[in-house]
Amino acid sequence: MKTLTSKQSVFRDYASMVIGATFVGLAFNMFLLPARLAAGGVSGISTILFELYAWNPAYVQWLFNIPIFIIGYVTLGRSFSLKSIVGTVFVPLVIWLTEGMPFAIDNPLLAAIYGGIMLGVGLGTVYRGGGSTGGLATVGQMIKKYTGLSSGYSQLLADGCVVVASAFVFDLELALFAMMAIFVSSKVIDFVQLQSSDSKLILIFTEKEQEINQVIQGEVNRGITKVNTIGGFSNTEKTMLLCVVEQPEAIYIKKLLQEKDPASFVVFLNASEVLGRGFSLAQSYKTKS
């Protein structure tokens, strides 16, 4: 069973990298290159060189990725580098295969927004598989490793120099649109990697602790964590109930609290990702079993 699970995990990772790399390549040919947006990375460099010398972007990206791949192999390890081969090869391949596609958007604003979204989805999917698309994406992962920054902001930092160069080759306006595309993609990268859910974190401050506890555990069948707190105004000890539920359950609990204890103080927060019994981890475990 463990061997089968390991093979499934490896297959899922490489499938994620192939799908993500496809999105990255399509984002380049559909939005970024037609609009002349050098949105960072080796793809941005290839856009600049295409404008200056009409060099084929796919060949340029393959050429630049070779030394960067070697650096990634040394700094990030053999496992990461082997996975990054998929993105390093596949992104330029998709660009080469879809060259001259008819569905091209040359409006800089539309390209910045929708190209940034598609690029972010692609890169985030590749990162979830534990790989890279090569080029400055590998540099971004190295920045993440040594600084602790998120993948999105690491990529944003690595791409800055390319955007500055594009301002001289094209113009300042297109460089600003390229920066917009990078910003959009960085946010989408983090969103994809977090795998945001509709779960809610509920913080309940109440004097009817036992009653509320019984209602949530009995009627909603969710666990509760009790945290001892001290009121800042009254300076008295109170108990805070902490509970994580799905969105429909949160709506039901809100209704119950309004009926059972309208004087309670309740805070509903978005939980980006929840791992544990009854949530993502439990579902994943059932699937593997």
Protein backbone atom coordinates (compact mmCIF):
# COMPACT_ATOMS: atom_id res chain seq x y z
CA MET A 1 0.00 0.00 0.00
CA LYS A 2 2.82 2.40 0.86
CA THR A 3 4.51 1.80 -2.51
CA LEU A 4 1.24 2.42 -4.36
CA THR A 5 0.61 5.59 -2.38
CA SER A 6 4.13 6.83 -3.12
CA LYS A 7 3.68 6.22 -6.86
CA GLN A 8 0.34 8.03 -6.83
CA SER A 9 1.95 10.99 -5.07
CA VAL A 10 4.78 11.17 -7.61
CA PHE A 11 2.32 10.92 -10.50
CA ARG A 12 0.18 13.69 -9.00
CA ASP A 13 3.23 15.95 -8.61
CA TYR A 14 4.40 15.49 -12.20
CA ALA A 15 0.86 15.84 -13.54
CA SER A 16 0.57 19.14 -11.66
CA MET A 17 3.83 20.34 -13.17
CA VAL A 18 2.81 19.45 -16.72
CA ILE A 19 -0.60 21.11 -16.36
CA GLY A 20 0.91 24.18 -14.71
CA ALA A 21 3.65 24.48 -17.33
CA THR A 22 1.00 24.34 -20.05
CA PHE A 23 -0.84 27.27 -18.46
CA VAL A 24 2.41 29.25 -18.23
CA GLY A 25 3.20 28.66 -21.91
CA LEU A 26 -0.30 29.59 -23.03
CA ALA A 27 -0.27 32.75 -20.87
CA PHE A 28 2.91 33.82 -22.67
CA ASN A 29 1.62 33.28 -26.21
CA MET A 30 -1.96 34.43 -25.62
CA PHE A 31 -1.33 37.54 -23.52
CA LEU A 32 2.20 38.57 -22.60
CA LEU A 33 4.07 38.38 -25.94
CA PRO A 34 1.29 39.92 -28.12
CA ALA A 35 0.92 42.80 -25.65
CA ARG A 36 4.72 43.20 -25.39
CA LEU A 37 4.69 42.72 -21.63
CA ALA A 38 8.01 41.52 -20.23
CA ALA A 39 6.42 40.20 -17.05
CA GLY A 40 9.63 39.08 -15.41
CA GLY A 41 11.52 35.82 -15.59
CA VAL A 42 13.28 34.30 -18.56
CA SER A 43 10.02 34.69 -20.49
CA GLY A 44 10.31 38.45 -19.96
CA ILE A 45 13.90 38.36 -21.17
CA SER A 46 12.80 36.42 -24.25
CA THR A 47 10.10 39.04 -24.90
CA ILE A 48 12.72 41.81 -24.83
CA LEU A 49 15.08 39.89 -27.13
CA PHE A 50 12.19 39.12 -29.49
CA GLU A 51 11.46 42.85 -29.71
CA LEU A 52 15.12 43.76 -30.29
CA TYR A 53 16.36 40.93 -32.50
CA ALA A 54 13.28 38.81 -33.37
CA TRP A 55 14.86 35.81 -31.63
CA ASN A 56 12.50 32.87 -31.12
CA PRO A 57 11.28 33.05 -27.47
CA ALA A 58 11.22 29.26 -27.04
CA TYR A 59 14.88 28.88 -28.06
CA VAL A 60 15.92 31.82 -25.87
CA GLN A 61 14.22 30.31 -22.84
CA TRP A 62 15.84 26.92 -23.38
CA LEU A 63 19.23 28.64 -23.71
CA PHE A 64 18.91 30.71 -20.52
CA ASN A 65 17.47 27.87 -18.47
CA ILE A 66 20.52 25.61 -18.79
CA PRO A 67 22.93 27.53 -16.48
CA ILE A 68 20.11 28.44 -14.10
CA PHE A 69 19.16 24.76 -13.90
CA ILE A 70 22.73 23.90 -12.88
CA ILE A 71 22.66 26.55 -10.14
CA GLY A 72 19.30 25.22 -8.94
CA TYR A 73 20.70 21.70 -8.84
CA VAL A 74 23.50 22.85 -6.53
CA THR A 75 21.47 25.10 -4.22
CA LEU A 76 18.03 23.48 -4.10
CA GLY A 77 18.97 19.83 -4.31
CA ARG A 78 18.65 16.93 -6.71
CA SER A 79 14.94 16.29 -6.07
CA PHE A 80 13.89 19.87 -6.87
CA SER A 81 16.14 20.04 -9.93
CA LEU A 82 14.83 16.78 -11.37
CA LYS A 83 11.28 18.05 -11.01
CA SER A 84 12.21 21.41 -12.51
CA ILE A 85 13.32 19.62 -15.69
CA VAL A 86 9.65 19.15 -16.54
CA GLY A 87 8.86 22.86 -16.37
CA THR A 88 12.18 23.91 -17.89
CA VAL A 89 11.55 21.79 -20.98
CA PHE A 90 7.77 21.86 -21.19
CA VAL A 91 7.10 25.62 -20.97
CA PRO A 92 9.25 26.51 -24.03
CA LEU A 93 7.83 23.44 -25.78
CA VAL A 94 4.27 24.72 -25.29
CA ILE A 95 5.39 28.17 -26.48
CA TRP A 96 6.97 26.63 -29.58
CA LEU A 97 3.93 24.43 -30.35
CA THR A 98 1.40 27.25 -29.90
CA GLU A 99 3.44 29.91 -31.70
CA GLY A 100 1.24 32.21 -33.78
CA MET A 101 -1.99 31.00 -32.18
CA PRO A 102 -5.03 33.05 -33.27
CA PHE A 103 -6.34 33.69 -29.74
CA ALA A 104 -3.94 36.52 -28.94
CA ILE A 105 -4.78 39.57 -26.80
CA ASP A 106 -2.64 42.63 -27.49
CA ASN A 107 -4.48 45.03 -25.17
CA PRO A 108 -1.96 45.71 -22.34
CA LEU A 109 -4.58 46.06 -19.60
CA LEU A 110 -6.44 42.86 -20.48
CA ALA A 111 -3.14 41.04 -20.95
CA ALA A 112 -1.86 42.22 -17.58
CA ILE A 113 -4.98 41.07 -15.73
CA TYR A 114 -5.89 37.84 -17.46
CA GLY A 115 -2.33 36.94 -18.43
CA GLY A 116 -1.30 37.49 -14.82
CA ILE A 117 -4.11 35.25 -13.60
CA MET A 118 -3.27 32.44 -16.03
CA LEU A 119 0.44 32.78 -15.28
CA GLY A 120 -0.21 32.67 -11.53
CA VAL A 121 -2.42 29.59 -11.83
CA GLY A 122 0.27 27.88 -13.88
CA LEU A 123 3.18 28.74 -11.60
CA GLY A 124 1.19 27.98 -8.44
CA THR A 125 0.21 24.57 -9.82
CA VAL A 126 3.83 23.81 -10.71
CA TYR A 127 4.99 24.85 -7.23
CA ARG A 128 2.34 22.64 -5.62
CA GLY A 129 3.94 19.74 -7.46
CA GLY A 130 7.27 20.68 -5.90
CA GLY A 131 8.85 21.82 -9.15
CA SER A 132 9.73 24.93 -11.07
CA THR A 133 9.35 26.29 -14.59
CA GLY A 134 13.06 27.00 -14.67
CA GLY A 135 14.60 30.40 -15.27
CA LEU A 136 13.93 33.09 -12.69
CA ALA A 137 11.23 30.88 -11.17
CA THR A 138 14.12 28.77 -9.88
CA VAL A 139 15.78 31.97 -8.63
CA GLY A 140 12.50 32.83 -6.90
CA GLN A 141 12.49 29.45 -5.16
CA MET A 142 16.08 30.03 -4.02
CA ILE A 143 15.08 33.42 -2.59
CA LYS A 144 12.19 31.71 -0.80
CA LYS A 145 14.53 29.08 0.67
CA TYR A 146 17.05 31.55 2.07
CA THR A 147 14.73 34.43 3.08
CA GLY A 148 11.53 32.71 4.19
CA LEU A 149 9.40 34.89 1.91
CA SER A 150 6.32 33.41 0.25
CA SER A 151 6.61 32.02 -3.26
CA GLY A 152 4.63 34.95 -4.68
CA TYR A 153 6.77 37.69 -3.16
CA SER A 154 9.98 35.80 -3.93
CA GLN A 155 8.94 35.68 -7.58
CA LEU A 156 8.00 39.37 -7.46
CA LEU A 157 11.49 40.25 -6.23
CA ALA A 158 13.26 38.08 -8.81
CA ASP A 159 11.26 39.60 -11.68
CA GLY A 160 11.86 43.25 -10.79
CA CYS A 161 15.10 43.63 -12.75
CA VAL A 162 13.49 42.34 -15.95
CA VAL A 163 10.67 44.87 -15.69
CA VAL A 164 13.15 47.72 -15.20
CA ALA A 165 14.97 46.64 -18.37
CA SER A 166 11.68 46.47 -20.28
CA ALA A 167 11.01 50.13 -19.47
CA PHE A 168 14.04 51.07 -21.58
CA VAL A 169 13.30 48.67 -24.43
CA PHE A 170 9.57 49.38 -24.70
CA ASP A 171 8.26 52.29 -22.64
CA LEU A 172 7.35 53.09 -19.06
CA GLU A 173 3.64 52.45 -19.62
CA LEU A 174 4.18 48.89 -20.84
CA ALA A 175 6.61 48.30 -17.97
CA LEU A 176 3.91 49.37 -15.51
CA PHE A 177 1.44 46.99 -17.14
CA ALA A 178 4.08 44.24 -16.88
CA MET A 179 4.47 45.01 -13.17
CA MET A 180 0.71 44.76 -12.82
CA ALA A 181 0.79 41.31 -14.42
CA ILE A 182 3.55 40.22 -12.03
CA PHE A 183 1.61 41.50 -9.02
CA VAL A 184 -1.56 39.72 -10.11
CA SER A 185 0.34 36.48 -10.75
CA SER A 186 2.10 36.67 -7.35
CA LYS A 187 -1.25 36.88 -5.55
CA VAL A 188 -2.70 34.04 -7.59
CA ILE A 189 0.39 31.90 -6.89
CA ASP A 190 -0.12 32.25 -3.14
CA PHE A 191 -3.86 31.60 -3.50
CA VAL A 192 -3.29 28.41 -5.49
CA GLN A 193 -0.65 27.15 -3.07
CA LEU A 194 -2.85 27.82 -0.04
CA GLN A 195 -5.71 25.87 -1.62
CA SER A 196 -8.16 28.26 -0.01
CA SER A 197 -11.36 26.76 1.31
CA ASP A 198 -14.76 27.98 2.49
CA SER A 199 -14.08 26.90 6.07
CA LYS A 200 -14.70 29.40 8.88
CA LEU A 201 -12.89 29.91 12.16
CA ILE A 202 -15.36 30.95 14.86
CA LEU A 203 -14.28 32.70 18.06
CA ILE A 204 -17.04 32.75 20.68
CA PHE A 205 -16.89 34.76 23.91
CA THR A 206 -19.81 33.70 26.05
CA GLU A 207 -20.93 33.24 29.65
CA LYS A 208 -22.95 30.18 28.66
CA GLU A 209 -19.96 28.02 27.90
CA GLN A 210 -21.49 24.63 28.68
CA GLU A 211 -24.72 25.31 26.81
CA ILE A 212 -22.96 26.56 23.67
CA ASN A 213 -20.52 23.65 23.87
CA GLN A 214 -23.34 21.13 23.95
CA VAL A 215 -25.17 22.82 21.08
CA ILE A 216 -22.16 22.84 18.73
CA GLN A 217 -20.95 19.34 19.60
CA GLY A 218 -24.44 17.85 19.72
CA GLU A 219 -26.20 19.53 16.79
CA VAL A 220 -23.30 20.37 14.48
CA ASN A 221 -20.95 17.57 15.54
CA ARG A 222 -17.85 19.74 15.59
CA GLY A 223 -15.11 19.84 18.21
CA ILE A 224 -14.39 22.91 20.33
CA THR A 225 -11.18 24.24 21.86
CA LYS A 226 -11.42 26.23 25.09
CA VAL A 227 -8.99 29.09 25.66
CA ASN A 228 -8.76 30.98 28.97
CA THR A 229 -8.76 34.74 28.39
CA ILE A 230 -8.92 37.94 30.44
CA GLY A 231 -11.30 40.72 29.44
CA GLY A 232 -9.47 43.97 28.76
CA PHE A 233 -12.33 46.13 30.08
CA SER A 234 -13.61 44.05 33.01
CA ASN A 235 -10.22 42.47 33.83
CA THR A 236 -12.03 39.23 34.64
CA GLU A 237 -11.27 35.72 33.43
CA LYS A 238 -13.41 34.46 30.56
CA THR A 239 -13.45 31.46 28.28
CA MET A 240 -13.14 31.73 24.53
CA LEU A 241 -14.53 28.86 22.45
CA LEU A 242 -12.67 28.19 19.21
CA CYS A 243 -14.31 26.15 16.48
CA VAL A 244 -13.59 25.47 12.78
CA VAL A 245 -16.57 24.57 10.59
CA GLU A 246 -17.67 24.53 6.97
CA GLN A 247 -19.53 27.57 5.65
CA PRO A 248 -23.07 26.05 5.81
CA GLU A 249 -22.36 24.98 9.39
CA ALA A 250 -21.16 28.51 10.24
CA ILE A 251 -24.48 29.93 9.05
CA TYR A 252 -26.36 27.41 11.19
CA ILE A 253 -24.20 28.14 14.26
CA LYS A 254 -24.78 31.86 13.82
CA LYS A 255 -28.52 31.25 13.94
CA LEU A 256 -28.18 29.03 17.03
CA LEU A 257 -26.07 31.60 18.88
CA GLN A 258 -28.58 34.34 18.15
CA GLU A 259 -31.29 32.16 19.67
CA LYS A 260 -29.40 30.63 22.62
CA ASP A 261 -27.09 33.47 23.63
CA PRO A 262 -27.72 36.76 21.84
CA ALA A 263 -25.38 38.54 24.31
CA SER A 264 -22.35 36.51 23.22
CA PHE A 265 -19.51 38.13 21.31
CA VAL A 266 -18.75 36.13 18.13
CA VAL A 267 -16.12 36.59 15.42
CA PHE A 268 -16.22 34.71 12.09
CA LEU A 269 -12.92 34.47 10.20
CA ASN A 270 -11.99 32.88 6.86
CA ALA A 271 -9.76 29.83 7.29
CA SER A 272 -7.55 29.58 4.19
CA GLU A 273 -6.80 25.90 4.63
CA VAL A 274 -7.74 23.39 7.34
CA LEU A 275 -5.94 20.10 7.92
CA GLY A 276 -7.29 17.59 10.41
CA ARG A 277 -10.09 15.19 11.16
CA GLY A 278 -13.22 16.12 9.23
CA PHE A 279 -11.39 18.43 6.84
CA SER A 280 -8.78 18.18 4.06
CA LEU A 281 -6.39 15.78 5.72
CA ALA A 282 -9.12 13.33 6.64
CA GLN A 283 -10.48 13.29 3.10
CA SER A 284 -6.96 12.77 1.71
CA TYR A 285 -6.35 9.91 4.14
CA LYS A 286 -9.57 8.20 3.14
CA THR A 287 -8.62 8.49 -0.52
CA LYS A 288 -5.19 6.93 0.09
CA SER A 289 -6.65 4.13 2.20
